Amino acid sequence: MDKEILKKLSAEKTNLQNLLKFVNNLNKYQKDPINHLDKIKQEVNKIEQTLNQSNLDASVKERVKELVQPIKDKIVGWEGDAKKSFGWNLEQELNKEGFELRGHYPLLKVSFYTLEVNLENFQVKLWYGPQQEKLGTCKLVPSDIVKKLKTIHDRITKRDFNDNEFLSKLYESYKISLYRKNKKIGEPIPISDILFEYAFLIQNKKFRTDPVKTNYKEYGRIFLSYDLYRLKARKFENKELNLITATRAYTQRKSDFLWIPFNEKGEGNYISHLKFKEVNL
């Protein structure tokens, strides 16, 4: 028998098997459409793509399309219901952990964080600040989102912190950066340079003896941002810390600036440099 005919028959068999599977999945998912909206959309797309590439009889194709169309017609309504139920359920879950939900779709605000909601992909991106530092992604399931957000929030905010110790190492980082750039006390240093030096200064003896990944104490942009936010003191010995607001020239590249919150409502400012200047005690 002609190999080409066998190949076409085999392909058509696969198309039929796939169509049967996709239609069965669609029937199953529409029993709980709000929680399976992403899967419903995926199955509809699979069915349409399979029909387009199939050589099935036109009447069969039309019948399948007639079965799928009512479901497609309901998707917009389901999306509206999903928005309402997701927002309400998310707010309830957040309240249990002491968080307040603010904002409007697609960007919701929670403390220092932004939730970028994508109903098309049934996914939420978690950001620190106004989409400054990506923290991860999560399915559009309120309990999972809050659990992940709480874990991240605790990791950022529950680190040991002492104003004087932080200022001392920040000042040391500043002096090292001044030396490297041949500058003097009172001159501004880029925040990226400060972060680099500070992250190295806080490493323990174990890392200095054997500087491998497993011995490294993590300290990144988010930690520095939050520590500058919660810092109450501004004076160290006879020096005063000054944070310099980023001009437009320094907001083109992420490495040139750092977002720092003003409060737990997510309001903040962008800084590009810092300096310590001498003050009279």
Protein backbone atom coordinates (compact mmCIF):
# COMPACT_ATOMS: atom_id res chain seq x y z
CA MET A 1 0.00 0.00 0.00
CA ASP A 2 1.14 3.55 -0.76
CA LYS A 3 3.24 4.86 2.15
CA GLU A 4 1.89 8.38 1.66
CA ILE A 5 -1.68 7.16 2.13
CA LEU A 6 -0.71 5.28 5.28
CA LYS A 7 0.98 8.41 6.61
CA LYS A 8 -2.15 10.50 5.99
CA LEU A 9 -4.40 7.90 7.59
CA SER A 10 -2.16 7.74 10.62
CA ALA A 11 -2.18 11.54 10.93
CA GLU A 12 -5.96 11.59 10.65
CA LYS A 13 -6.24 8.92 13.34
CA THR A 14 -4.10 11.09 15.63
CA ASN A 15 -6.29 14.11 14.89
CA LEU A 16 -9.43 12.15 15.77
CA GLN A 17 -7.93 10.84 19.00
CA ASN A 18 -6.79 14.32 19.98
CA LEU A 19 -10.16 15.86 19.19
CA LEU A 20 -11.91 13.28 21.34
CA LYS A 21 -9.50 13.98 24.21
CA PHE A 22 -9.82 17.77 23.91
CA VAL A 23 -13.62 17.67 23.78
CA ASN A 24 -13.77 15.37 26.82
CA ASN A 25 -11.42 17.71 28.71
CA LEU A 26 -13.58 20.68 27.77
CA ASN A 27 -16.70 18.98 29.11
CA LYS A 28 -14.90 18.22 32.35
CA TYR A 29 -13.44 21.69 32.88
CA GLN A 30 -16.66 23.61 32.20
CA LYS A 31 -18.22 21.99 35.28
CA ASP A 32 -16.04 24.39 37.30
CA PRO A 33 -15.18 27.10 34.75
CA ILE A 34 -13.95 29.78 37.12
CA ASN A 35 -11.12 27.64 38.47
CA HIS A 36 -10.32 26.09 35.09
CA LEU A 37 -10.62 29.11 32.82
CA ASP A 38 -7.05 28.85 31.54
CA LYS A 39 -7.49 25.17 30.72
CA ILE A 40 -10.80 25.82 28.95
CA LYS A 41 -9.09 28.39 26.72
CA GLN A 42 -6.26 26.00 26.01
CA GLU A 43 -8.61 23.17 25.02
CA VAL A 44 -10.66 25.46 22.75
CA ASN A 45 -7.47 26.54 20.97
CA LYS A 46 -6.32 22.94 20.61
CA ILE A 47 -9.65 21.92 19.10
CA GLU A 48 -9.63 24.79 16.60
CA GLN A 49 -6.03 24.10 15.58
CA THR A 50 -6.73 20.39 15.14
CA LEU A 51 -9.81 21.08 13.02
CA ASN A 52 -7.82 23.41 10.78
CA GLN A 53 -5.16 20.80 10.07
CA SER A 54 -7.57 17.86 9.80
CA ASN A 55 -9.11 16.39 6.64
CA LEU A 56 -12.27 15.35 8.42
CA ASP A 57 -15.55 15.59 6.60
CA ALA A 58 -16.86 19.16 6.57
CA SER A 59 -20.09 18.16 8.31
CA VAL A 60 -18.13 16.57 11.17
CA LYS A 61 -15.97 19.68 11.54
CA GLU A 62 -19.04 21.85 11.61
CA ARG A 63 -20.65 19.69 14.29
CA VAL A 64 -17.57 19.98 16.51
CA LYS A 65 -17.53 23.74 16.02
CA GLU A 66 -21.19 23.87 17.05
CA LEU A 67 -20.32 22.05 20.26
CA VAL A 68 -17.44 24.41 21.06
CA GLN A 69 -19.07 27.74 20.14
CA PRO A 70 -21.45 27.98 23.17
CA ILE A 71 -18.46 27.47 25.44
CA LYS A 72 -16.47 30.16 23.62
CA ASP A 73 -19.44 32.51 24.01
CA LYS A 74 -19.37 32.03 27.78
CA ILE A 75 -15.66 32.76 28.24
CA VAL A 76 -16.06 36.55 28.49
CA GLY A 77 -18.69 36.14 31.20
CA TRP A 78 -16.57 33.62 33.03
CA GLU A 79 -13.63 36.05 32.89
CA GLY A 80 -15.81 38.70 34.57
CA ASP A 81 -16.87 36.21 37.24
CA ALA A 82 -13.26 35.13 37.69
CA LYS A 83 -12.19 38.74 38.30
CA LYS A 84 -14.89 39.24 40.90
CA SER A 85 -14.38 35.97 42.73
CA PHE A 86 -10.58 36.15 42.52
CA GLY A 87 -10.45 39.69 43.90
CA TRP A 88 -12.86 38.90 46.73
CA ASN A 89 -11.16 35.62 47.67
CA LEU A 90 -7.72 37.19 47.45
CA GLU A 91 -8.76 40.02 49.75
CA GLN A 92 -10.10 37.55 52.33
CA GLU A 93 -6.90 35.50 52.26
CA LEU A 94 -4.73 38.63 52.54
CA ASN A 95 -6.75 39.95 55.47
CA LYS A 96 -6.02 36.74 57.38
CA GLU A 97 -2.31 37.58 57.17
CA GLY A 98 -2.78 41.26 58.01
CA PHE A 99 -2.35 42.55 54.46
CA GLU A 100 -4.53 45.13 52.72
CA LEU A 101 -5.44 44.82 49.04
CA ARG A 102 -5.51 47.97 46.90
CA GLY A 103 -5.54 48.98 43.25
CA HIS A 104 -7.31 47.77 40.14
CA TYR A 105 -6.77 45.09 37.51
CA PRO A 106 -4.36 44.25 36.11
CA LEU A 107 -2.10 45.76 38.82
CA LEU A 108 -3.08 45.12 42.43
CA LYS A 109 -1.10 46.51 45.37
CA VAL A 110 -0.27 44.78 48.64
CA SER A 111 2.09 46.56 51.04
CA PHE A 112 5.42 46.98 49.16
CA TYR A 113 4.34 44.58 46.44
CA THR A 114 2.57 44.63 43.09
CA LEU A 115 0.51 41.73 41.80
CA GLU A 116 0.34 41.74 37.99
CA VAL A 117 -2.77 39.73 37.16
CA ASN A 118 -3.02 37.99 33.78
CA LEU A 119 -6.37 36.27 33.33
CA GLU A 120 -5.40 35.11 29.85
CA ASN A 121 -2.61 32.95 31.25
CA PHE A 122 -4.31 32.41 34.60
CA GLN A 123 -1.17 33.70 36.23
CA VAL A 124 0.04 36.37 38.63
CA LYS A 125 3.50 37.95 38.62
CA LEU A 126 4.75 39.12 42.01
CA TRP A 127 6.87 42.27 42.11
CA TYR A 128 8.65 44.23 44.80
CA GLY A 129 7.66 47.88 44.48
CA PRO A 130 6.00 49.29 41.35
CA GLN A 131 7.20 46.39 39.15
CA GLN A 132 10.81 46.99 40.13
CA GLU A 133 12.13 43.59 41.19
CA LYS A 134 10.42 40.41 40.02
CA LEU A 135 9.81 37.99 42.88
CA GLY A 136 8.19 35.13 41.00
CA THR A 137 4.99 33.90 39.39
CA CYS A 138 1.99 32.06 40.76
CA LYS A 139 -1.21 30.47 39.48
CA LEU A 140 -4.37 32.54 39.90
CA VAL A 141 -5.18 30.78 43.18
CA PRO A 142 -5.61 33.25 46.09
CA SER A 143 -4.40 30.91 48.85
CA ASP A 144 -1.24 30.01 46.89
CA ILE A 145 -0.51 33.65 46.10
CA VAL A 146 -0.85 34.76 49.72
CA LYS A 147 1.27 31.86 50.96
CA LYS A 148 4.07 32.74 48.55
CA LEU A 149 3.79 36.46 49.28
CA LYS A 150 3.90 35.86 53.04
CA THR A 151 7.04 33.72 52.67
CA ILE A 152 8.74 36.42 50.59
CA HIS A 153 7.62 39.20 52.93
CA ASP A 154 8.98 37.39 55.99
CA ARG A 155 12.29 36.70 54.27
CA ILE A 156 12.68 40.42 53.50
CA THR A 157 11.36 41.97 56.70
CA LYS A 158 12.28 39.50 59.47
CA ARG A 159 16.03 39.63 59.05
CA ASP A 160 18.01 40.83 62.08
CA PHE A 161 18.62 44.54 61.81
CA ASN A 162 20.39 47.16 63.89
CA ASP A 163 20.60 50.82 62.84
CA ASN A 164 24.15 51.38 64.04
CA GLU A 165 25.53 48.16 62.57
CA PHE A 166 23.87 48.85 59.25
CA LEU A 167 25.07 52.46 59.13
CA SER A 168 28.58 51.40 60.11
CA LYS A 169 28.89 48.93 57.25
CA LEU A 170 27.15 51.32 54.85
CA TYR A 171 29.69 54.00 55.74
CA GLU A 172 32.53 51.51 55.31
CA SER A 173 31.14 50.58 51.88
CA TYR A 174 30.99 54.27 51.03
CA LYS A 175 34.63 54.85 52.06
CA ILE A 176 35.84 51.86 50.02
CA SER A 177 33.96 53.16 46.98
CA LEU A 178 35.44 56.63 47.48
CA TYR A 179 38.92 55.14 47.57
CA ARG A 180 38.33 53.13 44.40
CA LYS A 181 37.11 56.25 42.57
CA ASN A 182 39.66 58.62 44.09
CA LYS A 183 36.92 60.76 45.64
CA LYS A 184 36.55 62.54 48.98
CA ILE A 185 34.07 62.37 51.86
CA GLY A 186 30.89 64.21 50.91
CA GLU A 187 30.95 63.24 47.25
CA PRO A 188 28.13 61.01 45.93
CA ILE A 189 28.66 57.35 45.08
CA PRO A 190 26.37 55.27 42.80
CA ILE A 191 23.99 53.05 44.74
CA SER A 192 25.11 50.03 42.69
CA ASP A 193 28.69 50.48 43.95
CA ILE A 194 27.49 50.73 47.54
CA LEU A 195 25.47 47.53 47.17
CA PHE A 196 28.44 45.65 45.75
CA GLU A 197 30.77 46.67 48.58
CA TYR A 198 28.14 46.18 51.29
CA ALA A 199 27.27 42.66 50.10
CA PHE A 200 30.93 41.70 50.39
CA LEU A 201 31.45 43.35 53.80
CA ILE A 202 28.68 41.33 55.47
CA GLN A 203 30.14 37.96 54.45
CA ASN A 204 31.43 35.84 57.32
CA LYS A 205 34.79 34.20 57.80
CA LYS A 206 33.58 30.97 56.20
CA PHE A 207 32.93 32.73 52.91
CA ARG A 208 36.20 34.66 53.02
CA THR A 209 38.07 31.42 53.61
CA ASP A 210 36.18 29.53 50.91
CA PRO A 211 34.19 31.92 48.67
CA VAL A 212 31.78 29.43 47.11
CA LYS A 213 28.05 29.83 46.51
CA THR A 214 27.03 27.68 49.48
CA ASN A 215 28.96 29.95 51.87
CA TYR A 216 27.60 33.21 50.45
CA LYS A 217 25.16 35.24 52.53
CA GLU A 218 22.54 36.63 50.17
CA TYR A 219 22.13 40.40 50.04
CA GLY A 220 20.57 41.96 46.96
CA ARG A 221 18.76 45.05 45.78
CA ILE A 222 15.51 44.28 47.63
CA PHE A 223 17.29 43.82 50.96
CA LEU A 224 19.15 47.11 50.58
CA SER A 225 15.94 48.89 49.57
CA TYR A 226 14.04 47.61 52.58
CA ASP A 227 16.92 48.26 55.00
CA LEU A 228 17.19 51.87 53.85
CA TYR A 229 13.43 52.17 54.35
CA ARG A 230 13.45 50.84 57.91
CA LEU A 231 16.60 52.72 58.90
CA LYS A 232 15.64 55.30 61.53
CA ALA A 233 19.04 56.83 62.29
CA ARG A 234 20.84 58.96 59.73
CA LYS A 235 23.96 59.97 61.63
CA PHE A 236 27.05 57.86 62.21
CA GLU A 237 29.81 59.41 64.32
CA ASN A 238 30.08 62.91 62.80
CA LYS A 239 28.72 61.90 59.41
CA GLU A 240 25.15 62.09 58.08
CA LEU A 241 23.70 59.82 55.42
CA ASN A 242 22.11 61.51 52.41
CA LEU A 243 20.13 59.64 49.77
CA ILE A 244 20.13 61.33 46.38
CA THR A 245 16.99 61.19 44.26
CA ALA A 246 17.55 59.77 40.78
CA THR A 247 17.25 62.23 37.91
CA ARG A 248 15.81 61.10 34.59
CA ALA A 249 19.32 60.37 33.31
CA TYR A 250 19.72 57.73 36.02
CA THR A 251 16.39 55.95 35.50
CA GLN A 252 17.14 54.49 32.08
CA ARG A 253 18.95 51.43 33.39
CA LYS A 254 17.86 49.36 36.36
CA SER A 255 21.41 49.14 37.71
CA ASP A 256 21.62 52.93 38.02
CA PHE A 257 18.84 53.40 40.56
CA LEU A 258 17.04 51.76 43.45
CA TRP A 259 13.42 52.09 44.50
CA ILE A 260 12.91 52.70 48.23
CA PRO A 261 9.47 52.71 49.85
CA PHE A 262 8.17 55.63 51.91
CA ASN A 263 5.53 53.55 53.65
CA GLU A 264 3.75 50.20 53.61
CA LYS A 265 1.26 51.45 51.03
CA GLY A 266 3.84 51.01 48.32
CA GLU A 267 4.65 54.69 47.85
CA GLY A 268 8.33 55.35 47.34
CA ASN A 269 11.18 57.15 45.66
CA TYR A 270 14.04 56.33 43.30
CA ILE A 271 17.61 57.02 44.39
CA SER A 272 20.73 56.82 42.29
CA HIS A 273 23.50 57.82 44.72
CA LEU A 274 24.22 58.24 48.39
CA LYS A 275 26.81 60.14 50.35
CA PHE A 276 27.93 60.81 53.91
CA LYS A 277 28.72 64.39 54.79
CA GLU A 278 30.33 65.80 57.89
CA VAL A 279 28.04 67.50 60.40
CA ASN A 280 28.59 69.39 63.62
CA LEU A 281 27.61 67.33 66.65
